[in-house]
């Protein structure tokens, strides 16, 4: 699956409901990589889960409690985290904010 778009203007890209208090905006991808903005309301929970994709996330706004495997850390604007393939991970939003998630390969389950 390959997306032919090379420019993604945030102001016109759709947001979709991912979960209670969480919205997702896919901003670019091809079959090897994907970037997604994930907007959280305070107390939004990205439940513990795992997937075969490697993930790097950047905290663009807000404050999050991030758990990866058996480690937990509080991260805020300007911080980032790395999730190895198949590692159990999740977040709790402590202050409303946005994560910028990058996946390799792309998350086919996010494309409808």
Protein backbone atom coordinates (compact mmCIF):
# COMPACT_ATOMS: atom_id res chain seq x y z
CA UNK A 1 0.00 0.00 0.00
CA UNK A 2 1.55 3.28 -1.06
CA UNK A 3 0.12 6.76 -0.60
CA UNK A 4 0.96 9.12 -3.47
CA UNK A 5 0.50 12.36 -1.53
CA UNK A 6 3.71 14.18 -0.64
CA UNK A 7 2.21 17.19 1.17
CA UNK A 8 -0.21 16.97 4.10
CA UNK A 9 -1.71 20.25 5.30
CA UNK A 10 -2.81 19.84 8.92
CA UNK A 11 -5.55 22.43 8.69
CA UNK A 12 -7.41 20.37 6.09
CA UNK A 13 -6.60 16.84 7.29
CA UNK A 14 -9.42 15.02 9.08
CA UNK A 15 -9.27 13.99 12.73
CA UNK A 16 -10.91 10.69 13.70
CA UNK A 17 -12.03 9.49 17.09
CA UNK A 18 -9.57 6.83 18.24
CA UNK A 19 -10.95 6.34 21.74
CA UNK A 20 -12.65 8.27 24.53
CA UNK A 21 -10.69 11.54 24.94
CA UNK A 22 -8.35 10.67 22.02
CA UNK A 23 -8.36 11.81 18.38
CA UNK A 24 -5.99 10.77 15.61
CA UNK A 25 -4.84 12.61 12.46
CA UNK A 26 -2.81 10.68 9.90
CA UNK A 27 -0.43 13.19 8.33
CA UNK A 28 1.79 11.13 6.06
CA UNK A 29 2.67 7.58 5.12
CA UNK A 30 3.83 5.05 2.61
CA UNK A 31 4.25 1.30 3.09
CA UNK A 32 7.45 1.75 5.15
CA UNK A 33 6.66 4.65 7.51
CA UNK A 34 3.72 6.58 8.94
CA UNK A 35 3.36 9.75 11.02
CA UNK A 36 0.25 10.39 13.11
CA UNK A 37 -0.78 13.27 15.38
CA UNK A 38 -2.63 11.99 18.44
CA UNK A 39 -4.55 14.57 20.46
CA UNK A 40 -5.43 13.71 24.08
CA UNK A 41 -7.78 15.37 26.52
CA UNK A 42 -6.65 15.34 30.15
CA UNK A 43 -7.06 11.85 31.65
CA UNK A 44 -7.18 10.23 28.20
CA UNK A 45 -5.65 6.77 28.28
CA UNK A 46 -3.76 5.02 25.53
CA UNK A 47 -4.29 1.55 27.00
CA UNK A 48 -1.42 -0.89 27.28
CA UNK A 49 -0.93 -2.72 23.99
CA UNK A 50 1.74 -4.03 21.64
CA UNK A 51 2.26 -4.27 17.88
CA UNK A 52 4.99 -5.44 15.54
CA UNK A 53 5.74 -1.87 14.42
CA UNK A 54 8.68 0.10 15.78
CA UNK A 55 7.45 3.44 17.16
CA UNK A 56 9.00 6.75 18.10
CA UNK A 57 6.78 9.41 19.69
CA UNK A 58 7.41 13.11 20.29
CA UNK A 59 5.50 15.08 22.92
CA UNK A 60 4.41 18.19 20.98
CA UNK A 61 2.18 19.52 23.77
CA UNK A 62 1.04 18.44 27.23
CA UNK A 63 2.30 16.01 29.84
CA UNK A 64 2.09 12.20 29.74
CA UNK A 65 2.85 9.23 31.95
CA UNK A 66 4.43 6.76 29.53
CA UNK A 67 4.91 3.07 30.26
CA UNK A 68 7.11 0.86 28.07
CA UNK A 69 7.55 -2.73 29.23
CA UNK A 70 8.24 -2.42 32.98
CA UNK A 71 9.44 1.21 32.93
CA UNK A 72 7.34 4.34 33.50
CA UNK A 73 8.38 7.96 32.99
CA UNK A 74 6.64 11.35 33.05
CA UNK A 75 7.30 13.21 29.78
CA UNK A 76 6.32 16.69 28.66
CA UNK A 77 6.59 19.02 25.69
CA UNK A 78 9.89 18.49 23.86
CA UNK A 79 10.48 14.95 25.17
CA UNK A 80 10.21 11.74 23.16
CA UNK A 81 10.16 7.99 23.59
CA UNK A 82 11.06 4.86 21.61
CA UNK A 83 8.96 1.69 21.56
CA UNK A 84 10.67 -1.45 20.24
CA UNK A 85 8.70 -3.90 18.14
CA UNK A 86 6.23 -5.97 20.24
CA UNK A 87 6.94 -4.06 23.49
CA UNK A 88 3.88 -3.53 25.70
CA UNK A 89 3.32 0.22 26.06
CA UNK A 90 0.71 2.85 26.87
CA UNK A 91 0.19 6.41 28.04
CA UNK A 92 -1.94 8.40 30.47
CA UNK A 93 -2.47 12.06 29.63
CA UNK A 94 -1.76 14.20 32.71
CA UNK A 95 -2.20 17.57 30.92
CA UNK A 96 -4.04 17.87 27.59
CA UNK A 97 -1.65 17.54 24.70
CA UNK A 98 -0.54 15.98 21.44
CA UNK A 99 1.84 13.14 20.63
CA UNK A 100 3.43 12.84 17.20
CA UNK A 101 3.79 9.10 16.55
CA UNK A 102 6.02 7.65 13.85
CA UNK A 103 5.64 3.97 12.93
CA UNK A 104 7.71 1.63 10.80
CA UNK A 105 6.30 -0.05 8.88
CA UNK A 106 3.10 1.95 8.46
CA UNK A 107 0.03 0.99 10.51
CA UNK A 108 -2.26 -0.65 7.96
CA UNK A 109 -4.91 -0.95 10.68
CA UNK A 110 -5.16 2.88 10.75
CA UNK A 111 -6.10 3.10 7.07
CA UNK A 112 -9.72 2.46 6.21
